[in-house]
PDB file of N, CA and C in Angstrom:
ATOM      1  N   MET A   1      14.133   5.057  24.581  1.00  0.00           N
ATOM      2  CA  MET A   1      13.928   5.222  22.728  1.00  0.00           C
ATOM      3  C   MET A   1      15.300   5.090  22.507  1.00  0.00           C
ATOM      4  N   SER A   2      15.177   3.996  21.277  1.00  0.00           N
ATOM      5  CA  SER A   2      17.497   3.755  20.781  1.00  0.00           C
ATOM      6  C   SER A   2      16.799   4.070  19.141  1.00  0.00           C
ATOM      7  N   ASP A   3      18.191   3.945  19.009  1.00  0.00           N
ATOM      8  CA  ASP A   3      18.063   3.611  16.708  1.00  0.00           C
ATOM      9  C   ASP A   3      17.645   2.051  16.637  1.00  0.00           C
ATOM     10  N   ALA A   4      17.093   2.301  15.713  1.00  0.00           N
ATOM     11  CA  ALA A   4      16.908   0.264  14.920  1.00  0.00           C
ATOM     12  C   ALA A   4      18.092   0.132  14.665  1.00  0.00           C
ATOM     13  N   ASP A   5      18.011  -1.693  14.871  1.00  0.00           N
ATOM     14  CA  ASP A   5      19.591  -2.546  14.226  1.00  0.00           C
ATOM     15  C   ASP A   5      19.445  -2.484  12.681  1.00  0.00           C
ATOM     16  N   GLY A   6      18.801  -2.476  12.622  1.00  0.00           N
ATOM     17  CA  GLY A   6      17.925  -2.897  10.841  1.00  0.00           C
ATOM     18  C   GLY A   6      16.999  -3.322  10.503  1.00  0.00           C
ATOM     19  N   PHE A   7      17.087  -3.082   9.041  1.00  0.00           N
ATOM     20  CA  PHE A   7      15.973  -3.018   8.066  1.00  0.00           C
ATOM     21  C   PHE A   7      15.374  -4.314   8.042  1.00  0.00           C
ATOM     22  N   TYR A   8      14.486  -5.060   8.464  1.00  0.00           N
ATOM     23  CA  TYR A   8      13.549  -6.347   7.813  1.00  0.00           C
ATOM     24  C   TYR A   8      12.882  -6.305   7.028  1.00  0.00           C
ATOM     25  N   PRO A   9      12.501  -6.793   5.774  1.00  0.00           N
ATOM     26  CA  PRO A   9      11.502  -6.384   4.810  1.00  0.00           C
ATOM     27  C   PRO A   9      10.225  -7.717   5.288  1.00  0.00           C
ATOM     28  N   ALA A  10       9.175  -7.279   4.579  1.00  0.00           N
ATOM     29  CA  ALA A  10       8.110  -8.281   4.987  1.00  0.00           C
ATOM     30  C   ALA A  10       8.603  -9.426   4.128  1.00  0.00           C
ATOM     31  N   GLU A  11       7.501 -10.230   4.196  1.00  0.00           N
ATOM     32  CA  GLU A  11       7.265 -11.643   3.923  1.00  0.00           C
ATOM     33  C   GLU A  11       6.906 -11.441   2.403  1.00  0.00           C
ATOM     34  N   ALA A  12       7.513 -12.210   1.497  1.00  0.00           N
ATOM     35  CA  ALA A  12       6.692 -12.062   0.053  1.00  0.00           C
ATOM     36  C   ALA A  12       5.029 -12.031   0.114  1.00  0.00           C
ATOM     37  N   TYR A  13       4.823 -12.517   0.581  1.00  0.00           N
ATOM     38  CA  TYR A  13       3.161 -12.789   0.351  1.00  0.00           C
ATOM     39  C   TYR A  13       2.918 -11.273   1.271  1.00  0.00           C
ATOM     40  N   HIS A  14       2.817 -10.351   1.155  1.00  0.00           N
ATOM     41  CA  HIS A  14       2.644  -9.430   2.417  1.00  0.00           C
ATOM     42  C   HIS A  14       3.276  -8.110   0.894  1.00  0.00           C
ATOM     43  N   GLN A  15       4.328  -8.418  -0.704  1.00  0.00           N
ATOM     44  CA  GLN A  15       4.164  -7.539  -0.655  1.00  0.00           C
ATOM     45  C   GLN A  15       3.444  -6.926  -1.644  1.00  0.00           C
ATOM     46  N   ASP A  16       2.591  -5.565  -2.135  1.00  0.00           N
ATOM     47  CA  ASP A  16       1.784  -5.050  -3.624  1.00  0.00           C
ATOM     48  C   ASP A  16       1.094  -6.286  -2.529  1.00  0.00           C
ATOM     49  N   PHE A  17       0.486  -6.426  -1.436  1.00  0.00           N
ATOM     50  CA  PHE A  17      -1.151  -6.617  -0.567  1.00  0.00           C
ATOM     51  C   PHE A  17      -2.409  -6.440  -1.744  1.00  0.00           C
ATOM     52  N   LEU A  18      -2.286  -5.235  -1.919  1.00  0.00           N
ATOM     53  CA  LEU A  18      -3.633  -4.626  -2.416  1.00  0.00           C
ATOM     54  C   LEU A  18      -3.455  -4.845  -3.498  1.00  0.00           C
ATOM     55  N   THR A  19      -2.742  -4.629  -4.416  1.00  0.00           N
ATOM     56  CA  THR A  19      -3.229  -4.753  -5.808  1.00  0.00           C
ATOM     57  C   THR A  19      -3.091  -5.980  -6.062  1.00  0.00           C
ATOM     58  N   LEU A  20      -2.575  -6.879  -5.010  1.00  0.00           N
ATOM     59  CA  LEU A  20      -2.890  -8.467  -5.459  1.00  0.00           C
ATOM     60  C   LEU A  20      -4.102  -8.756  -5.191  1.00  0.00           C
ATOM     61  N   ASN A  21      -4.489  -8.423  -3.747  1.00  0.00           N
ATOM     62  CA  ASN A  21      -6.485  -8.567  -3.021  1.00  0.00           C
ATOM     63  C   ASN A  21      -7.045  -7.591  -3.110  1.00  0.00           C
ATOM     64  N   PRO A  22      -7.469  -6.839  -4.329  1.00  0.00           N
ATOM     65  CA  PRO A  22      -8.070  -5.744  -4.269  1.00  0.00           C
ATOM     66  C   PRO A  22      -9.742  -5.970  -3.745  1.00  0.00           C
ATOM     67  N   THR A  23     -10.521  -6.593  -3.415  1.00  0.00           N
ATOM     68  CA  THR A  23     -11.398  -6.746  -2.668  1.00  0.00           C
ATOM     69  C   THR A  23     -11.155  -7.511  -1.495  1.00  0.00           C
ATOM     70  N   TYR A  24     -10.539  -8.170  -0.934  1.00  0.00           N
ATOM     71  CA  TYR A  24      -9.820  -9.034   0.314  1.00  0.00           C
ATOM     72  C   TYR A  24     -10.514  -7.390   1.238  1.00  0.00           C
ATOM     73  N   PRO A  25     -11.593  -8.379   1.629  1.00  0.00           N
ATOM     74  CA  PRO A  25     -12.582  -6.863   3.684  1.00  0.00           C
ATOM     75  C   PRO A  25     -11.561  -6.770   4.219  1.00  0.00           C
ATOM     76  N   TYR A  26     -10.479  -6.174   4.770  1.00  0.00           N
ATOM     77  CA  TYR A  26      -9.456  -5.225   5.265  1.00  0.00           C
ATOM     78  C   TYR A  26      -8.847  -4.704   4.147  1.00  0.00           C
ATOM     79  N   ILE A  27      -8.912  -4.402   3.191  1.00  0.00           N
ATOM     80  CA  ILE A  27      -8.617  -4.241   2.452  1.00  0.00           C
ATOM     81  C   ILE A  27      -9.097  -2.461   1.672  1.00  0.00           C
ATOM     82  N   VAL A  28     -10.476  -3.417   1.719  1.00  0.00           N
ATOM     83  CA  VAL A  28     -11.605  -2.962   1.061  1.00  0.00           C
ATOM     84  C   VAL A  28     -12.261  -2.084   1.949  1.00  0.00           C
ATOM     85  N   TYR A  29     -12.578  -2.569   3.666  1.00  0.00           N
ATOM     86  CA  TYR A  29     -13.174  -1.372   4.420  1.00  0.00           C
ATOM     87  C   TYR A  29     -11.846  -0.516   5.811  1.00  0.00           C
ATOM     88  N   ASN A  30     -10.537  -0.860   4.964  1.00  0.00           N
ATOM     89  CA  ASN A  30      -9.267  -0.149   5.722  1.00  0.00           C
ATOM     90  C   ASN A  30      -8.976   1.007   4.943  1.00  0.00           C
ATOM     91  N   ASP A  31      -8.649   0.257   3.659  1.00  0.00           N
ATOM     92  CA  ASP A  31      -7.383   1.100   3.002  1.00  0.00           C
ATOM     93  C   ASP A  31      -7.969   1.668   2.047  1.00  0.00           C
ATOM     94  N   LEU A  32      -8.637   0.934   0.949  1.00  0.00           N
ATOM     95  CA  LEU A  32      -9.413   1.788   0.287  1.00  0.00           C
ATOM     96  C   LEU A  32      -9.876   3.323   0.553  1.00  0.00           C
ATOM     97  N   PRO A  33     -10.630   3.673   1.866  1.00  0.00           N
ATOM     98  CA  PRO A  33     -10.733   4.942   2.351  1.00  0.00           C
ATOM     99  C   PRO A  33      -9.921   5.261   2.257  1.00  0.00           C
ATOM    100  N   LYS A  34      -9.018   5.003   2.812  1.00  0.00           N
ATOM    101  CA  LYS A  34      -8.136   5.822   3.321  1.00  0.00           C
ATOM    102  C   LYS A  34      -6.571   6.704   1.717  1.00  0.00           C
ATOM    103  N   ILE A  35      -7.200   5.645   0.995  1.00  0.00           N
ATOM    104  CA  ILE A  35      -6.338   6.088  -0.390  1.00  0.00           C
ATOM    105  C   ILE A  35      -7.337   6.712  -1.180  1.00  0.00           C
ATOM    106  N   GLU A  36      -8.284   6.427  -1.801  1.00  0.00           N
ATOM    107  CA  GLU A  36     -10.465   8.149  -1.528  1.00  0.00           C
ATOM    108  C   GLU A  36      -9.170   9.674  -0.625  1.00  0.00           C
ATOM    109  N   SER A  37      -9.143   9.172   0.515  1.00  0.00           N
ATOM    110  CA  SER A  37      -9.038  10.702   1.969  1.00  0.00           C
ATOM    111  C   SER A  37      -7.357  10.919   1.585  1.00  0.00           C
ATOM    112  N   LEU A  38      -6.466  10.335   1.282  1.00  0.00           N
ATOM    113  CA  LEU A  38      -5.625  11.150   0.568  1.00  0.00           C
ATOM    114  C   LEU A  38      -5.407  11.559  -0.875  1.00  0.00           C
ATOM    115  N   LYS A  39      -5.867  10.773  -2.056  1.00  0.00           N
ATOM    116  CA  LYS A  39      -6.916  11.866  -3.069  1.00  0.00           C
ATOM    117  C   LYS A  39      -6.936  12.511  -3.246  1.00  0.00           C
ATOM    118  N   SER A  40      -7.966  13.142  -2.050  1.00  0.00           N
ATOM    119  CA  SER A  40      -8.670  14.155  -2.493  1.00  0.00           C
ATOM    120  C   SER A  40      -8.083  15.207  -1.400  1.00  0.00           C
ATOM    121  N   LEU A  41      -6.838  15.231  -0.508  1.00  0.00           N
ATOM    122  CA  LEU A  41      -6.309  15.921   0.044  1.00  0.00           C
ATOM    123  C   LEU A  41      -5.597  15.988  -0.273  1.00  0.00           C
ATOM    124  N   PHE A  42      -4.916  15.359  -1.464  1.00  0.00           N
ATOM    125  CA  PHE A  42      -3.703  16.157  -2.286  1.00  0.00           C
ATOM    126  C   PHE A  42      -4.001  15.087  -3.852  1.00  0.00           C
ATOM    127  N   PRO A  43      -3.903  16.347  -4.222  1.00  0.00           N
ATOM    128  CA  PRO A  43      -4.537  15.650  -5.818  1.00  0.00           C
ATOM    129  C   PRO A  43      -3.709  15.492  -6.960  1.00  0.00           C
ATOM    130  N   ALA A  44      -2.505  16.673  -6.387  1.00  0.00           N
ATOM    131  CA  ALA A  44      -1.180  16.893  -6.611  1.00  0.00           C
ATOM    132  C   ALA A  44       0.056  16.041  -6.881  1.00  0.00           C
ATOM    133  N   SER A  45       0.002  15.517  -5.622  1.00  0.00           N
ATOM    134  CA  SER A  45       0.094  13.620  -5.491  1.00  0.00           C
ATOM    135  C   SER A  45       0.479  12.742  -5.537  1.00  0.00           C
ATOM    136  N   TYR A  46      -1.250  12.169  -6.327  1.00  0.00           N
ATOM    137  CA  TYR A  46      -1.947  11.572  -6.112  1.00  0.00           C
ATOM    138  C   TYR A  46      -1.588  10.352  -7.222  1.00  0.00           C
ATOM    139  N   ARG A  47      -1.619   9.643  -7.447  1.00  0.00           N
ATOM    140  CA  ARG A  47      -0.755   8.767  -9.017  1.00  0.00           C
ATOM    141  C   ARG A  47      -1.725   7.627  -9.360  1.00  0.00           C
ATOM    142  N   SER A  48      -2.602   7.315 -10.341  1.00  0.00           N
ATOM    143  CA  SER A  48      -3.158   6.647 -10.500  1.00  0.00           C
ATOM    144  C   SER A  48      -2.243   5.092 -10.320  1.00  0.00           C
ATOM    145  N   GLN A  49      -1.244   4.668 -11.073  1.00  0.00           N
ATOM    146  CA  GLN A  49      -0.354   3.586 -10.488  1.00  0.00           C
ATOM    147  C   GLN A  49       0.404   3.146  -9.596  1.00  0.00           C
ATOM    148  N   PRO A  50       0.578   2.649  -8.270  1.00  0.00           N
ATOM    149  CA  PRO A  50       1.094   2.106  -7.506  1.00  0.00           C
ATOM    150  C   PRO A  50       2.350   2.209  -7.912  1.00  0.00           C
ATOM    151  N   VAL A  51       2.891   2.419  -6.649  1.00  0.00           N
ATOM    152  CA  VAL A  51       4.625   1.661  -7.017  1.00  0.00           C
ATOM    153  C   VAL A  51       4.611   0.580  -6.024  1.00  0.00           C
ATOM    154  N   LEU A  52       5.212  -0.423  -7.170  1.00  0.00           N
ATOM    155  CA  LEU A  52       5.123  -2.060  -6.558  1.00  0.00           C
ATOM    156  C   LEU A  52       6.388  -2.183  -6.038  1.00  0.00           C
ATOM    157  N   VAL A  53       6.247  -3.144  -5.230  1.00  0.00           N
ATOM    158  CA  VAL A  53       7.890  -3.608  -4.813  1.00  0.00           C
ATOM    159  C   VAL A  53       8.104  -5.142  -5.294  1.00  0.00           C
ATOM    160  N   GLY A  54       7.126  -5.945  -5.397  1.00  0.00           N
ATOM    161  CA  GLY A  54       7.345  -6.865  -6.143  1.00  0.00           C
ATOM    162  C   GLY A  54       7.105  -6.733  -7.863  1.00  0.00           C
ATOM    163  N   LYS A  55       7.041  -8.211  -8.781  1.00  0.00           N
ATOM    164  CA  LYS A  55       7.668  -7.821  -9.709  1.00  0.00           C
ATOM    165  C   LYS A  55       5.830  -8.242  -9.662  1.00  0.00           C
ATOM    166  N   THR A  56       5.171  -7.416  -9.049  1.00  0.00           N
ATOM    167  CA  THR A  56       3.270  -8.023  -9.604  1.00  0.00           C
ATOM    168  C   THR A  56       3.102  -6.364 -10.548  1.00  0.00           C
ATOM    169  N   LYS A  57       2.512  -6.934 -10.871  1.00  0.00           N
ATOM    170  CA  LYS A  57       1.673  -5.606 -12.268  1.00  0.00           C
ATOM    171  C   LYS A  57       0.021  -5.885 -12.192  1.00  0.00           C
ATOM    172  N   GLY A  58      -0.557  -4.867 -11.808  1.00  0.00           N
ATOM    173  CA  GLY A  58      -1.499  -3.860 -11.176  1.00  0.00           C
ATOM    174  C   GLY A  58      -2.626  -2.946 -11.948  1.00  0.00           C
TER     175      GLY A  58
END
């Protein structure tokens, strides 16, 4: 294994995808249950407002 050569940010349409597409089937089926699980496991660390990468307001 070797060190990574650099960081490559995702394309703009990937940024804040869950916030922009909360009813997208993949999000509903895979991501929202994980968020709920993390919320119950780490209630003191959970925040209801997401940290956004782009200029999206959610």
